[in-house]
Amino acid sequence: MSPTPSRESIAEKVGAILVEVLSVPPAQVTPAARILLDLGAESIDLLDLRFRVEKAFEIRITKEDLAAAFGDTVQSGEYLERFTVAALCDYVERRLEQARG
């Protein structure tokens, strides 16, 4: 079993996926950038993002996992504020550790 990728490696892959899916400049994809509010992701983008992250990291992401990680409802303002690039990287890192674990 391979070791969990480094935090930098995870951030690099997630950033590249966000740039491709959302057609945003790489400089805009900072750890504090909110995926929905700052980067302009829409619901269809989130599906594409989810599938690409699953493929890139060989993990399975469920709606329940995301709800537990980012809040119970997508409509919640707190969810919109908390769904940042750094939070997505944290989530991927945790899932990889669980899968390897």
Protein backbone atom coordinates (compact mmCIF):
# COMPACT_ATOMS: atom_id res chain seq x y z
CA MET A 1 0.00 0.00 0.00
CA SER A 2 1.42 3.37 -0.96
CA PRO A 3 1.84 6.13 1.62
CA THR A 4 -0.60 9.00 1.84
CA PRO A 5 0.47 11.83 -0.50
CA SER A 6 1.95 14.92 1.12
CA ARG A 7 -0.23 17.91 1.90
CA GLU A 8 1.58 19.85 -0.83
CA SER A 9 0.91 17.11 -3.38
CA ILE A 10 -2.78 17.02 -2.45
CA ALA A 11 -3.05 20.82 -2.68
CA GLU A 12 -1.30 20.83 -6.04
CA LYS A 13 -3.66 18.21 -7.52
CA VAL A 14 -6.79 19.81 -6.05
CA GLY A 15 -5.67 23.21 -7.33
CA ALA A 16 -5.07 21.87 -10.83
CA ILE A 17 -8.50 20.24 -10.83
CA LEU A 18 -10.17 23.47 -9.71
CA VAL A 19 -8.37 25.49 -12.39
CA GLU A 20 -9.51 23.04 -15.06
CA VAL A 21 -13.10 22.59 -13.87
CA LEU A 22 -13.79 26.24 -13.08
CA SER A 23 -11.62 27.87 -15.75
CA VAL A 24 -10.05 30.20 -13.20
CA PRO A 25 -6.45 31.47 -13.14
CA PRO A 26 -4.16 29.41 -10.88
CA ALA A 27 -3.40 32.52 -8.79
CA GLN A 28 -7.06 32.66 -7.78
CA VAL A 29 -6.94 29.17 -6.24
CA THR A 30 -5.59 30.02 -2.80
CA PRO A 31 -6.16 28.01 0.39
CA ALA A 32 -8.67 30.61 1.67
CA ALA A 33 -10.62 30.84 -1.61
CA ARG A 34 -14.23 29.77 -1.16
CA ILE A 35 -15.07 27.34 -3.93
CA LEU A 36 -18.63 28.52 -4.42
CA LEU A 37 -18.43 32.19 -3.48
CA ASP A 38 -14.95 33.20 -4.67
CA LEU A 39 -14.26 30.75 -7.48
CA GLY A 40 -17.81 30.75 -8.83
CA ALA A 41 -18.52 27.02 -8.78
CA GLU A 42 -22.10 26.03 -9.64
CA SER A 43 -23.85 22.74 -8.91
CA ILE A 44 -22.78 21.13 -12.20
CA ASP A 45 -19.20 22.19 -11.49
CA LEU A 46 -19.38 20.52 -8.08
CA LEU A 47 -20.36 17.23 -9.70
CA ASP A 48 -17.44 17.45 -12.13
CA LEU A 49 -15.13 18.43 -9.28
CA ARG A 50 -16.30 15.49 -7.19
CA PHE A 51 -15.75 12.96 -9.98
CA ARG A 52 -12.31 14.33 -10.85
CA VAL A 53 -11.17 14.35 -7.22
CA GLU A 54 -12.43 10.77 -6.81
CA LYS A 55 -10.50 9.68 -9.89
CA ALA A 56 -7.32 11.61 -9.08
CA PHE A 57 -7.08 10.29 -5.53
CA GLU A 58 -8.84 6.94 -5.98
CA ILE A 59 -11.35 7.65 -3.22
CA ARG A 60 -15.13 7.56 -3.06
CA ILE A 61 -16.95 10.74 -2.00
CA THR A 62 -20.57 10.52 -0.91
CA LYS A 63 -23.06 13.30 -0.21
CA GLU A 64 -23.17 12.11 3.39
CA ASP A 65 -19.39 12.45 3.72
CA LEU A 66 -19.52 15.98 2.39
CA ALA A 67 -22.44 16.91 4.62
CA ALA A 68 -20.54 15.66 7.66
CA ALA A 69 -17.39 17.51 6.60
CA PHE A 70 -18.91 20.84 5.59
CA GLY A 71 -22.28 21.14 7.29
CA ASP A 72 -25.69 19.55 7.05
CA THR A 73 -27.20 21.64 4.28
CA VAL A 74 -25.83 23.20 1.16
CA GLN A 75 -28.22 26.13 1.63
CA SER A 76 -26.54 27.08 4.88
CA GLY A 77 -24.47 30.24 4.69
CA GLU A 78 -21.96 28.58 6.98
CA TYR A 79 -21.43 25.83 4.40
CA LEU A 80 -20.71 28.42 1.71
CA GLU A 81 -18.16 30.11 3.95
CA ARG A 82 -16.50 26.88 5.09
CA PHE A 83 -16.18 25.22 1.66
CA THR A 84 -12.70 26.56 0.88
CA VAL A 85 -9.81 25.13 -1.11
CA ALA A 86 -8.00 24.37 2.17
CA ALA A 87 -11.07 22.62 3.59
CA LEU A 88 -11.37 20.48 0.46
CA CYS A 89 -7.68 19.55 0.74
CA ASP A 90 -8.19 18.67 4.44
CA TYR A 91 -11.15 16.50 3.48
CA VAL A 92 -9.18 14.67 0.78
CA GLU A 93 -6.27 14.15 3.16
CA ARG A 94 -8.58 12.65 5.83
CA ARG A 95 -10.26 10.36 3.28
CA LEU A 96 -6.88 9.15 2.02
CA GLU A 97 -5.73 8.41 5.56
CA GLN A 98 -8.95 6.49 6.22
CA ALA A 99 -8.58 4.51 3.00
CA ARG A 100 -4.95 3.65 3.72
CA GLY A 101 -5.58 3.03 7.25
